[in-house]
Every structure is written in structure tokens, then in C-alpha cells.
Protein backbone atom coordinates (compact mmCIF):
# COMPACT_ATOMS: atom_id res chain seq x y z
CA MET A 1 -8.14 24.23 32.25
CA SER A 2 -5.71 25.63 29.63
CA LYS A 3 -7.24 27.85 26.98
CA TYR A 4 -6.16 28.19 23.35
CA ASP A 5 -7.43 29.69 20.13
CA VAL A 6 -6.46 26.58 18.13
CA VAL A 7 -5.61 23.03 19.19
CA VAL A 8 -4.15 20.77 16.51
CA ILE A 9 -4.14 17.01 17.08
CA GLY A 10 -1.28 15.55 15.04
CA ALA A 11 2.12 17.02 14.19
CA GLY A 12 2.74 15.48 10.79
CA PRO A 13 3.14 17.62 7.65
CA ALA A 14 -0.54 18.63 7.84
CA GLY A 15 -0.76 19.31 11.56
CA TYR A 16 2.53 21.06 12.28
CA VAL A 17 2.11 23.33 9.25
CA ALA A 18 -1.41 24.26 10.34
CA ALA A 19 -0.14 25.02 13.84
CA ILE A 20 2.69 27.25 12.63
CA ARG A 21 0.48 29.11 10.16
CA ALA A 22 -2.20 29.71 12.81
CA ALA A 23 0.45 31.04 15.17
CA GLN A 24 1.71 33.36 12.44
CA HIS A 25 -1.80 34.83 12.40
CA GLY A 26 -1.41 35.68 16.09
CA LYS A 27 -3.40 32.74 17.45
CA LYS A 28 -2.53 30.93 20.66
CA VAL A 29 -1.85 27.40 19.43
CA ALA A 30 -1.18 23.97 20.92
CA CYS A 31 -0.14 20.99 18.80
CA ILE A 32 -0.41 17.48 20.28
CA ASP A 33 1.37 14.43 18.87
CA SER A 34 1.84 10.86 20.11
CA TRP A 35 4.60 9.67 17.73
CA LYS A 36 7.20 7.38 19.24
CA ASN A 37 10.20 5.84 17.54
CA TYR A 38 11.11 2.20 18.07
CA ASP A 39 13.67 3.23 20.68
CA GLY A 40 10.97 5.06 22.64
CA SER A 41 12.11 8.56 21.70
CA LYS A 42 9.49 11.15 20.82
CA ALA A 43 9.52 13.33 17.73
CA PHE A 44 7.29 15.67 15.80
CA GLY A 45 6.87 15.26 12.04
CA GLY A 46 4.63 12.21 11.81
CA THR A 47 5.21 9.40 9.36
CA CYS A 48 6.60 11.71 6.67
CA LEU A 49 9.63 12.94 8.57
CA ASN A 50 10.19 9.93 10.81
CA ALA A 51 9.35 6.89 8.71
CA GLY A 52 8.33 7.94 5.21
CA CYS A 53 9.15 10.78 2.84
CA ILE A 54 12.44 11.97 4.30
CA PRO A 55 14.19 8.73 5.37
CA SER A 56 13.13 6.93 2.19
CA LYS A 57 14.56 9.71 0.01
CA ALA A 58 17.81 9.58 1.98
CA LEU A 59 18.15 5.87 1.23
CA LEU A 60 17.07 6.34 -2.38
CA GLU A 61 19.81 8.92 -2.88
CA SER A 62 22.49 6.81 -1.19
CA SER A 63 21.52 3.63 -3.01
CA GLU A 64 21.42 5.41 -6.37
CA LEU A 65 24.93 6.76 -5.84
CA TYR A 66 26.08 3.24 -4.98
CA GLU A 67 24.46 1.89 -8.13
CA ARG A 68 25.98 4.59 -10.31
CA ALA A 69 29.44 4.12 -8.80
CA ARG A 70 29.28 0.43 -9.66
CA HIS A 71 27.81 0.64 -13.14
CA GLU A 72 28.07 4.18 -14.55
CA PHE A 73 31.20 5.94 -13.35
CA ASP A 74 33.41 4.11 -15.85
CA THR A 75 31.35 5.67 -18.63
CA HIS A 76 32.35 9.10 -17.32
CA GLY A 77 36.01 8.10 -17.19
CA ILE A 78 35.97 7.86 -13.39
CA LYS A 79 37.98 4.94 -12.01
CA VAL A 80 37.01 4.07 -8.46
CA GLY A 81 38.24 0.50 -8.11
CA ASP A 82 36.22 -1.91 -6.00
CA VAL A 83 33.06 -0.31 -4.65
CA GLY A 84 31.91 -1.60 -1.29
CA LEU A 85 28.74 -1.12 0.71
CA ASP A 86 28.79 0.15 4.30
CA LEU A 87 25.11 -0.18 5.15
CA GLY A 88 25.69 0.91 8.74
CA THR A 89 27.05 4.28 7.65
CA MET A 90 24.26 4.64 5.11
CA GLN A 91 21.66 4.00 7.80
CA LYS A 92 23.40 6.35 10.22
CA ARG A 93 23.20 9.12 7.60
CA ARG A 94 19.50 8.45 7.12
CA ALA A 95 18.84 8.59 10.87
CA GLY A 96 20.85 11.79 11.17
CA ILE A 97 18.81 13.54 8.50
CA VAL A 98 15.59 12.47 10.20
CA LYS A 99 16.78 13.74 13.58
CA GLN A 100 17.80 17.08 12.06
CA PHE A 101 14.39 17.67 10.48
CA THR A 102 12.27 16.47 13.38
CA GLY A 103 14.34 18.64 15.72
CA GLY A 104 13.78 21.48 13.29
CA ILE A 105 10.03 21.33 13.92
CA THR A 106 10.61 21.75 17.64
CA ALA A 107 12.69 24.85 16.85
CA LEU A 108 10.01 26.18 14.50
CA PHE A 109 7.33 25.68 17.15
CA LYS A 110 9.41 27.64 19.63
CA ALA A 111 10.15 30.44 17.15
CA ASN A 112 6.48 30.82 16.25
CA GLY A 113 5.08 30.43 19.75
CA VAL A 114 3.38 27.07 19.20
CA GLN A 115 3.00 24.94 22.34
CA GLY A 116 4.19 21.48 21.24
CA MET A 117 2.88 18.63 23.39
CA PHE A 118 3.78 14.95 23.34
CA GLY A 119 0.96 12.59 24.25
CA LYS A 120 -2.55 11.62 23.21
CA GLY A 121 -5.08 14.12 21.94
CA ARG A 122 -8.79 13.28 21.97
CA MET A 123 -11.66 15.49 20.91
CA LEU A 124 -14.38 15.44 23.56
CA GLY A 125 -16.69 17.83 21.78
CA PRO A 126 -16.71 21.30 20.21
CA GLY A 127 -14.14 23.44 21.99
CA LYS A 128 -12.79 20.66 24.23
CA VAL A 129 -9.75 18.41 23.79
CA GLU A 130 -8.47 15.87 26.29
CA TYR A 131 -4.67 15.84 26.45
CA THR A 132 -2.99 12.84 28.04
CA PRO A 133 0.81 13.05 28.35
CA ASP A 134 2.77 9.81 28.49
CA ASP A 135 3.90 10.45 32.04
CA GLY A 136 1.10 12.43 33.64
CA ASN A 137 -2.59 12.93 34.25
CA SER A 138 -5.04 14.01 31.58
CA GLU A 139 -6.12 17.61 31.33
CA ILE A 140 -8.81 19.38 29.37
CA LEU A 141 -7.78 21.99 26.82
CA GLU A 142 -10.41 24.58 26.01
CA THR A 143 -10.15 26.00 22.50
CA GLU A 144 -12.11 27.95 19.94
CA HIS A 145 -10.97 25.79 17.02
CA ILE A 146 -9.94 22.12 16.77
CA VAL A 147 -7.92 20.83 13.81
CA LEU A 148 -7.83 17.03 13.43
CA ALA A 149 -4.65 15.90 11.66
CA SER A 150 -4.13 12.37 12.96
CA GLY A 151 -2.58 11.00 9.76
CA SER A 152 -2.54 7.42 8.51
CA THR A 153 -0.98 4.04 9.23
CA PRO A 154 0.10 1.11 6.99
CA ILE A 155 -2.55 -1.42 6.07
CA GLU A 156 -1.81 -4.88 7.45
CA LEU A 157 -3.04 -7.87 5.49
CA PRO A 158 -4.98 -10.24 7.78
CA ASN A 159 -3.45 -13.36 6.22
CA ILE A 160 0.10 -11.96 6.30
CA PRO A 161 0.54 -10.31 9.70
CA PHE A 162 3.63 -8.25 10.47
CA ASP A 163 6.23 -9.98 12.63
CA GLU A 164 8.61 -6.96 12.53
CA LYS A 165 11.47 -9.14 11.31
CA HIS A 166 10.59 -11.15 8.24
CA ILE A 167 7.24 -9.58 7.28
CA VAL A 168 7.40 -5.83 7.75
CA ASP A 169 5.70 -2.54 6.96
CA SER A 170 7.31 0.39 5.15
CA TRP A 171 8.85 1.80 8.36
CA ARG A 172 10.68 -1.39 9.32
CA ALA A 173 11.78 -1.77 5.69
CA LEU A 174 13.78 1.43 6.04
CA GLU A 175 15.75 0.03 8.95
CA PHE A 176 17.11 -3.30 7.70
CA ASP A 177 20.60 -3.80 9.14
CA SER A 178 21.61 -6.10 6.27
CA VAL A 179 20.62 -6.52 2.65
CA PRO A 180 18.20 -9.44 2.26
CA PRO A 181 19.34 -11.80 -0.53
CA THR A 182 15.74 -12.08 -1.74
CA LEU A 183 12.90 -9.67 -1.08
CA GLY A 184 9.21 -9.78 -1.85
CA VAL A 185 7.25 -6.54 -2.10
CA ILE A 186 3.47 -6.83 -1.90
CA GLY A 187 2.08 -3.77 -3.66
CA GLY A 188 3.45 -2.07 -6.75
CA GLY A 189 2.52 1.50 -5.85
CA VAL A 190 4.69 4.43 -4.83
CA ILE A 191 5.96 2.97 -1.54
CA GLY A 192 6.56 -0.50 -2.93
CA LEU A 193 8.51 0.77 -5.93
CA GLU A 194 10.67 3.14 -3.91
CA LEU A 195 11.58 0.59 -1.24
CA GLY A 196 12.00 -2.15 -3.81
CA SER A 197 14.38 0.11 -5.75
CA VAL A 198 16.47 0.85 -2.66
CA TRP A 199 17.11 -2.78 -1.75
CA SER A 200 17.48 -3.91 -5.35
CA ARG A 201 20.28 -1.38 -5.91
CA LEU A 202 21.99 -2.58 -2.74
CA GLY A 203 21.97 -6.18 -3.94
CA ALA A 204 18.63 -7.84 -3.13
CA GLU A 205 16.75 -9.87 -5.71
CA VAL A 206 13.37 -8.11 -5.64
CA THR A 207 10.00 -9.43 -6.78
CA VAL A 208 7.03 -7.05 -6.76
CA LEU A 209 3.58 -8.64 -6.43
CA GLU A 210 0.79 -6.31 -7.59
CA ALA A 211 -2.86 -7.37 -7.34
CA LEU A 212 -4.02 -5.12 -10.19
CA ASP A 213 -3.57 -6.17 -13.80
CA ASP A 214 -2.24 -2.74 -14.77
CA PHE A 215 1.07 -1.37 -13.54
CA LEU A 216 0.65 2.04 -11.82
CA ALA A 217 -3.04 2.07 -12.65
CA LEU A 218 -3.50 5.69 -11.50
CA ALA A 219 -0.76 6.97 -13.81
CA ASP A 220 -0.95 7.63 -17.55
CA GLN A 221 -0.42 4.18 -19.04
CA GLN A 222 2.09 5.27 -21.67
CA ILE A 223 4.25 6.64 -18.88
CA ALA A 224 3.62 3.59 -16.66
CA LYS A 225 4.72 1.16 -19.39
CA ASP A 226 7.87 3.16 -20.08
CA ALA A 227 8.67 3.22 -16.35
CA MET A 228 8.13 -0.52 -16.03
CA ARG A 229 10.57 -1.20 -18.86
CA GLN A 230 13.22 0.82 -17.05
CA PHE A 231 12.60 -0.92 -13.73
CA LYS A 232 12.85 -4.35 -15.36
CA LYS A 233 16.19 -3.38 -16.89
CA GLN A 234 17.36 -2.57 -13.36
CA GLY A 235 16.53 -6.10 -12.26
CA LEU A 236 13.17 -5.71 -10.55
CA LYS A 237 10.75 -8.56 -11.25
CA PHE A 238 7.02 -7.93 -11.50
CA LYS A 239 4.02 -10.20 -11.05
CA LEU A 240 0.87 -8.33 -12.10
CA GLY A 241 -2.62 -9.54 -11.28
CA ALA A 242 -1.06 -11.45 -8.40
CA ARG A 243 -3.23 -11.68 -5.32
CA VAL A 244 -1.32 -12.89 -2.28
CA ASN A 245 -3.42 -15.38 -0.33
CA ALA A 246 -1.12 -16.31 2.52
CA GLY A 247 2.33 -15.93 3.92
CA LYS A 248 4.12 -17.76 6.70
CA VAL A 249 7.61 -17.79 8.14
CA SER A 250 9.42 -21.11 8.17
CA ASP A 251 13.12 -21.79 8.75
CA GLY A 252 13.94 -18.10 8.47
CA LYS A 253 12.20 -17.73 5.10
CA VAL A 254 8.84 -16.30 4.12
CA LYS A 255 6.71 -18.55 1.96
CA LEU A 256 4.09 -16.65 0.01
CA SER A 257 1.14 -18.11 -1.87
CA TYR A 258 -0.34 -15.97 -4.63
CA GLN A 259 -2.83 -16.46 -7.42
CA ASP A 260 -2.97 -14.98 -10.92
CA LYS A 261 -4.73 -15.85 -14.16
CA LYS A 262 -2.49 -18.89 -14.57
CA GLY A 263 -3.33 -20.34 -11.18
CA GLU A 264 -1.72 -20.75 -7.77
CA HIS A 265 1.98 -20.03 -7.25
CA GLN A 266 4.55 -20.06 -4.46
CA LEU A 267 7.34 -17.60 -3.78
CA GLU A 268 10.00 -18.04 -1.11
CA VAL A 269 11.97 -14.98 -0.01
CA ASP A 270 14.07 -13.85 2.92
CA LYS A 271 11.92 -10.83 3.75
CA VAL A 272 8.59 -9.34 2.69
CA ILE A 273 7.56 -5.69 2.63
CA VAL A 274 3.79 -5.19 2.73
CA ALA A 275 3.06 -1.94 0.88
CA VAL A 276 -0.59 -2.23 -0.09
CA GLY A 277 -1.52 1.26 1.05
CA ARG A 278 -2.41 3.15 4.19
CA ARG A 279 -5.59 3.75 6.18
CA PRO A 280 -6.66 6.83 8.12
CA TYR A 281 -5.55 6.68 11.73
CA THR A 282 -8.42 7.82 13.92
CA ASP A 283 -8.15 5.28 16.75
CA GLY A 284 -9.12 7.00 20.01
CA LEU A 285 -9.30 10.39 18.30
CA LEU A 286 -12.99 11.08 18.89
CA ALA A 287 -15.10 10.65 21.99
CA ASP A 288 -18.68 9.48 21.55
CA GLY A 289 -21.13 12.15 20.49
CA THR A 290 -18.70 14.68 18.98
CA GLY A 291 -20.78 14.95 15.82
CA VAL A 292 -17.73 14.39 13.61
CA LYS A 293 -18.57 11.74 11.02
CA LEU A 294 -16.41 9.00 9.52
CA ASP A 295 -17.15 7.45 6.13
CA GLN A 296 -17.19 3.69 5.43
CA ARG A 297 -13.39 3.61 4.98
CA GLY A 298 -12.72 5.47 8.22
CA PHE A 299 -11.94 8.89 6.72
CA ILE A 300 -13.23 11.97 8.51
CA GLU A 301 -15.91 13.57 6.36
CA VAL A 302 -15.12 17.15 5.30
CA ASP A 303 -16.12 19.63 2.63
CA ASP A 304 -13.78 21.36 0.16
CA GLU A 305 -12.61 23.73 2.92
CA CYS A 306 -11.90 20.83 5.33
CA ARG A 307 -14.83 21.69 7.60
CA THR A 308 -16.28 18.66 9.39
CA GLY A 309 -19.78 20.06 9.74
CA VAL A 310 -19.25 20.59 13.47
CA SER A 311 -18.75 24.27 14.26
CA ASN A 312 -15.05 25.25 14.33
CA VAL A 313 -13.85 21.66 13.92
CA TRP A 314 -11.62 20.98 10.93
CA ALA A 315 -9.80 17.92 9.58
CA ILE A 316 -6.82 17.77 7.22
CA GLY A 317 -4.20 15.47 5.73
CA ASP A 318 -4.28 11.70 5.44
CA CYS A 319 -7.32 11.31 7.71
CA VAL A 320 -9.57 12.99 5.11
CA ARG A 321 -10.45 12.33 1.46
CA GLY A 322 -7.97 12.83 -1.34
CA PRO A 323 -4.49 11.51 -2.04
CA MET A 324 -2.35 10.69 0.99
CA LEU A 325 0.45 13.09 0.12
CA ALA A 326 2.44 15.27 2.50
CA HIS A 327 2.20 18.34 0.28
CA LYS A 328 -1.57 18.00 -0.03
CA GLY A 329 -1.87 17.82 3.77
CA SER A 330 0.44 20.80 4.28
CA GLU A 331 -1.53 23.00 1.90
CA GLU A 332 -4.76 21.97 3.62
CA GLY A 333 -3.15 23.02 6.90
CA ILE A 334 -2.31 26.44 5.49
CA MET A 335 -5.80 26.85 4.02
CA VAL A 336 -7.53 25.95 7.29
CA ALA A 337 -5.29 28.24 9.36
CA ASP A 338 -6.01 31.11 6.95
CA LEU A 339 -9.76 30.44 7.11
CA ILE A 340 -9.62 30.40 10.91
CA ALA A 341 -7.93 33.80 10.73
CA GLY A 342 -10.79 35.12 8.61
CA GLU A 343 -8.87 35.23 5.35
CA VAL A 344 -10.00 34.00 1.94
CA ALA A 345 -8.34 30.67 1.14
CA GLU A 346 -8.92 27.72 -1.12
CA LEU A 347 -7.10 24.68 -2.48
CA ASN A 348 -7.21 23.50 -6.08
CA TYR A 349 -7.49 19.73 -5.73
CA ASN A 350 -7.29 19.31 -9.52
CA VAL A 351 -3.59 20.19 -9.64
CA ILE A 352 -1.99 18.09 -6.92
CA PRO A 353 1.27 16.61 -8.25
CA SER A 354 2.29 13.01 -7.60
CA VAL A 355 5.92 11.83 -7.65
CA ILE A 356 7.64 8.45 -7.41
CA TYR A 357 11.29 8.96 -6.48
CA THR A 358 12.74 6.00 -8.32
CA ALA A 359 15.38 6.28 -11.04
CA PRO A 360 14.04 7.41 -13.40
CA GLU A 361 11.51 9.39 -11.43
CA VAL A 362 7.82 9.31 -12.34
CA ALA A 363 5.64 12.40 -11.88
CA TRP A 364 2.26 13.58 -13.04
CA VAL A 365 -0.44 16.19 -12.53
CA GLY A 366 -3.96 16.50 -13.90
CA LYS A 367 -5.79 14.06 -16.15
CA THR A 368 -4.37 10.96 -17.81
CA GLU A 369 -5.06 10.14 -21.44
CA GLU A 370 -7.24 7.23 -20.29
CA GLU A 371 -9.37 9.55 -18.14
CA LEU A 372 -9.85 12.02 -20.99
CA LYS A 373 -10.91 9.26 -23.37
CA LYS A 374 -13.37 7.87 -20.83
CA ALA A 375 -14.88 11.34 -20.26
CA GLY A 376 -15.19 11.98 -24.00
CA VAL A 377 -12.95 15.05 -23.85
CA ARG A 378 -11.31 16.00 -27.13
CA TYR A 379 -7.62 16.55 -26.58
CA LYS A 380 -4.22 16.95 -28.20
CA VAL A 381 -1.10 15.15 -27.08
CA GLY A 382 2.59 15.97 -27.38
CA THR A 383 5.52 13.82 -26.26
CA PHE A 384 9.28 14.24 -26.19
CA ASN A 385 11.90 11.63 -25.35
CA PHE A 386 14.70 12.50 -22.93
CA GLY A 387 17.03 10.67 -25.30
CA ALA A 388 17.01 13.85 -27.43
CA ASN A 389 17.66 16.16 -24.48
CA GLY A 390 21.24 17.37 -24.26
CA ARG A 391 21.31 17.81 -20.47
CA ALA A 392 19.85 14.34 -19.88
CA LYS A 393 22.47 12.83 -22.17
CA ALA A 394 25.26 14.70 -20.39
CA MET A 395 23.91 13.33 -17.09
CA GLU A 396 23.89 9.77 -18.54
CA GLN A 397 20.17 9.67 -17.76
CA ALA A 398 18.69 10.01 -21.21
CA THR A 399 15.73 7.67 -20.70
CA GLY A 400 12.04 8.39 -20.38
CA VAL A 401 9.49 10.72 -21.90
CA ALA A 402 7.59 13.94 -21.15
CA LYS A 403 3.94 14.09 -22.19
CA VAL A 404 1.60 17.09 -22.36
CA LEU A 405 -2.18 16.79 -22.83
CA ALA A 406 -4.12 19.88 -23.92
CA ALA A 407 -7.77 20.57 -24.75
CA GLN A 408 -8.61 20.52 -28.45
CA ALA A 409 -11.05 23.40 -28.00
CA ASP A 410 -8.97 26.05 -26.23
CA ASP A 411 -5.47 24.52 -25.80
CA GLU A 412 -5.68 24.55 -21.98
CA ILE A 413 -3.26 22.07 -20.39
CA LEU A 414 -5.23 19.17 -18.94
CA GLY A 415 -2.43 16.95 -17.72
CA VAL A 416 1.33 16.45 -17.78
CA HIS A 417 3.09 13.13 -17.25
CA ILE A 418 6.81 12.49 -16.99
CA VAL A 419 9.12 9.54 -16.55
CA GLY A 420 12.71 10.68 -16.57
CA PRO A 421 15.50 12.36 -14.61
CA LEU A 422 14.33 14.73 -11.86
CA ALA A 423 10.71 14.40 -12.99
CA GLY A 424 9.61 15.52 -9.53
CA GLU A 425 11.29 18.87 -10.06
CA LEU A 426 10.16 19.26 -13.67
CA ILE A 427 6.50 18.68 -12.86
CA GLN A 428 6.33 21.86 -10.76
CA GLU A 429 6.48 24.12 -13.82
CA CYS A 430 3.44 22.25 -15.11
CA VAL A 431 1.58 22.49 -11.79
CA LEU A 432 2.06 26.25 -11.79
CA ALA A 433 0.98 26.49 -15.42
CA MET A 434 -2.20 24.53 -14.73
CA GLU A 435 -2.92 26.57 -11.58
CA PHE A 436 -3.19 29.60 -13.88
CA SER A 437 -5.11 27.68 -16.59
CA ALA A 438 -2.20 28.06 -19.01
CA SER A 439 -2.30 26.72 -22.54
CA ALA A 440 0.25 24.55 -24.30
CA GLU A 441 1.12 27.64 -26.33
CA ASP A 442 1.99 29.50 -23.10
CA ILE A 443 4.71 26.94 -22.43
CA GLN A 444 5.70 26.93 -26.10
CA ARG A 445 6.41 30.66 -25.96
CA THR A 446 8.16 30.60 -22.58
CA ILE A 447 11.96 30.72 -22.81
CA HIS A 448 13.60 27.66 -21.28
CA ALA A 449 17.31 27.81 -20.48
CA HIS A 450 19.61 25.63 -22.58
CA PRO A 451 20.77 23.01 -21.88
CA THR A 452 18.29 21.97 -19.21
CA LEU A 453 15.99 19.05 -18.54
CA SER A 454 13.07 21.50 -18.62
CA GLU A 455 13.52 21.75 -22.39
CA ALA A 456 11.82 18.34 -22.58
CA ILE A 457 8.64 19.97 -21.24
CA HIS A 458 9.05 22.81 -23.75
CA GLU A 459 9.43 20.35 -26.63
CA ALA A 460 6.49 18.22 -25.46
CA ALA A 461 4.33 21.35 -25.41
CA LEU A 462 5.52 22.20 -28.94
CA ALA A 463 4.73 18.63 -30.02
CA VAL A 464 1.10 19.16 -28.96
CA ASP A 465 0.77 21.24 -32.15
CA LYS A 466 3.30 19.14 -34.10
CA MET A 467 5.93 21.87 -33.86
CA ALA A 468 8.66 20.17 -31.86
CA ILE A 469 12.10 21.38 -32.97
CA HIS A 470 14.35 18.57 -31.80
CA ALA A 471 12.08 15.63 -32.66
CA ILE A 472 10.26 14.36 -35.71
CA ASN A 473 6.62 15.42 -35.47
CA LYS A 474 4.08 12.69 -36.17
């Protein structure tokens, strides 16, 4: 029986970070992961590195450059002639980036003394984990602490099952070897918009079917409406309030049936991406009688410190409550490893940023205007259009808006919402400000370099008190 201080089950962005941090505290750590690629190869990094965050951003970057070369370079006085698409090379680049980063985790494990293990991990009870390698017999790992970080998996619609060719999940959608002439995307959230953007830029006619009546319902609706206008200009088609009832493959096409307020409709496309969300992946994770509880949706129940209620058993990342975001899981991993080491640690769940890596990008943190109205909170609002930002204009990306919400009583920043160039980078200033309970005036009186995109945040903060310099205050 092998003995460890900490055994982590799952090597995604929550699990591998927890393992490394625990090892940095001098703990003897094992990290078990069962990820396999379609070719049978094994890799650490979970969905994020292998089939989510990293490969999707690689394709987003490549497809945006292709789009700009075709439609924008002339504006800059750059003559490139006929622009062609080599999807094979684009996909090879994506795969290479993934391999580099997943291999990097193996190197980090080795450098920090983490024992990385490929295979199945199953909690038998407090202090005991069953490890089953793919090509060997099971063994029992004895440990003081267990960290459950099993991640999540795409939700499959029962009436539209995946066939891995015509009807696919987000992973398969990253690996198309040709551009589908027509593409249906079921789900207008982060994943659906990013993947829809990729294939639209590369030439597909994309229709997004969203069951909710509101576009990006979790985002500030002023920002969501602005984003939708930009996406429509790019050629994406949207059907809101559209509930897909059935889908079947016939003669190499997918025939979808969906219903909205106007009745029943049909849509025929070459391929369909189902992006209706993800569910916690806890299949086979827990033996009977462990004491670890799952809620009605299958999430592992934890408190604010990610304790399961079973002594020295923790759970982090997508398999617990909260947004399914890699950075949220990673910070939970750090917090738990610090707590295991006896240090003081906490995570502020009120300031977790969200980013959609489309063009323009969409990012937000904190409360939306709709949430503040519903809660009866008195607030001030300031906005600034990127059309008046010199750097955005120089980049030929002068679309979108930055929006700052601050409390009427004490000026504390309650939320920031951005649609515009590099919004995912700009939001971090606001996350840091909110972490320290900064006011709008704090940003107003902070020097921002000129010309930069960050000046849009500065001006939006000034607009909160109707003092914007480069916009007409209303």
C-alpha cells in the first residue's frame, strides 16, 4: 500500500494546480487522471488543455487572422492578394499547442515532485483511494487528504444523440477536417458562440439556436445586445427562444426540429454542435458509503472552503458549485492546498471574471444592472464607447462599450462589463479593483497610459460621475 499526504483525483486545471501547490508545501502528492485522446494517447490537463480553453483559443486566433486578412488588411494598406485557407496546417498548429501545454504539466509534476498517474481514481473512504491503471491491477493508496477534482463533461440531449460525425460535442467540433457549408449550434452560451465564430470565419453559414428568450442571459443586457449586433454583422444567425425537439441524420444532413413562439420550424444543416452546457463528471468516483454527498444536479456538496463534510476530503473545480471556469477551479486548488498546509486561505467568489473570446470579446465581473435593479440597490452607471478610444481605432477594432456600475452610497464598484477588443485582458484591472473594494473614483484617479485600450475603463469610471473627458456626459 503506497502512502501519500495528498491524493488528487483529476489533473485538469483544478486538480493539477492543487497537486503542484500541495507539493510546494512539502507534501507527498499523487495526482491521478484518466484522460484519453481520441487516438488513445494519455495526457494531463483535463478538458481545458486538451479539448477546451487552449485548443479553442488557438482556432479562434487563427480564424480571426484569416478573417482580418480577407476583409481588413486592405484598410491598413496591406495587399496580400488571394487569401486561401489551409485547414490542415491550422489544425496541426492547434494540436501542437495542446501537446506542448499538456507535456508541460508532466514536466511541472516532475519538477515539483508530484507523482502523476494515468488511470482511474476512486475514493473508497476517508484516507483510501483505489487506483486502477489502464494496463495493470488496482492498488490502494493510503493518504491523509483526498482532493476530488473530476471535472465535467458535455451535456448530451436525449433526442439529439452524438454520432461523432454529424452531431458532435464541443471537443469533436474543434477537430473538423473540413469546413461544413452549413452549421447549426444548439446553445448560445460561451462555447456555442466561440465555436460558431470559428467556423463562421472559415466559411460556414452558422445558425445559433438558443432556448432562452434573452441572448447571454447571465451577462449585462446592454452589453449582450451590443455583442449580438456585432455577431450578426459578422454573419451569424440567431434563433432565440428556440427549443430543439429532435434531430436526425438523413442523406448526410442533419434535420433539426425546433419550436419558438411562432410555432414549429425545421432547419437542415451539414453538421450540428451541441453546446447546451456541461455536467459534473463523478461517474465511478465514489464508492458506496464514503459520506461525500451529491446534490440533485450531481455536484459534490462543499462549503466555501471546498470541504465536503467528510474529514480531510475536499472537492474543487467543475464538480462543485459555482461557474465552470478553469481559473475558478485553479484558485480553489490553491486555496485547498494552502488550507491543507495549515495556512489561512480564502476565495472571493463575488469577483470571478467571465470571458467570451469572440471578436469583439465579451467580459464581465460582479453584478449586472439587471441584478442590481432586482435587489433594489441604488447605483450609478458610466459607459464609454470604444469608438472614441484612439488605440481601438488604430487597431481597426473600435466597436463595443465599457460599462462601470458603482454604489450610489459609497461609490464602491459593483460590476464591470465590457464588449470590445481584448476585453478579457481589460477586465483584470477591474477584478483587482473589486478585490480591494475600490471605488469608481479610485479608477478615475489612477493614471492610465495613453494611448491604450484601458483608457476606456478609465473613461467609463469617470462617466459614473458624469466627468468623462472624451465623451459627452449624459
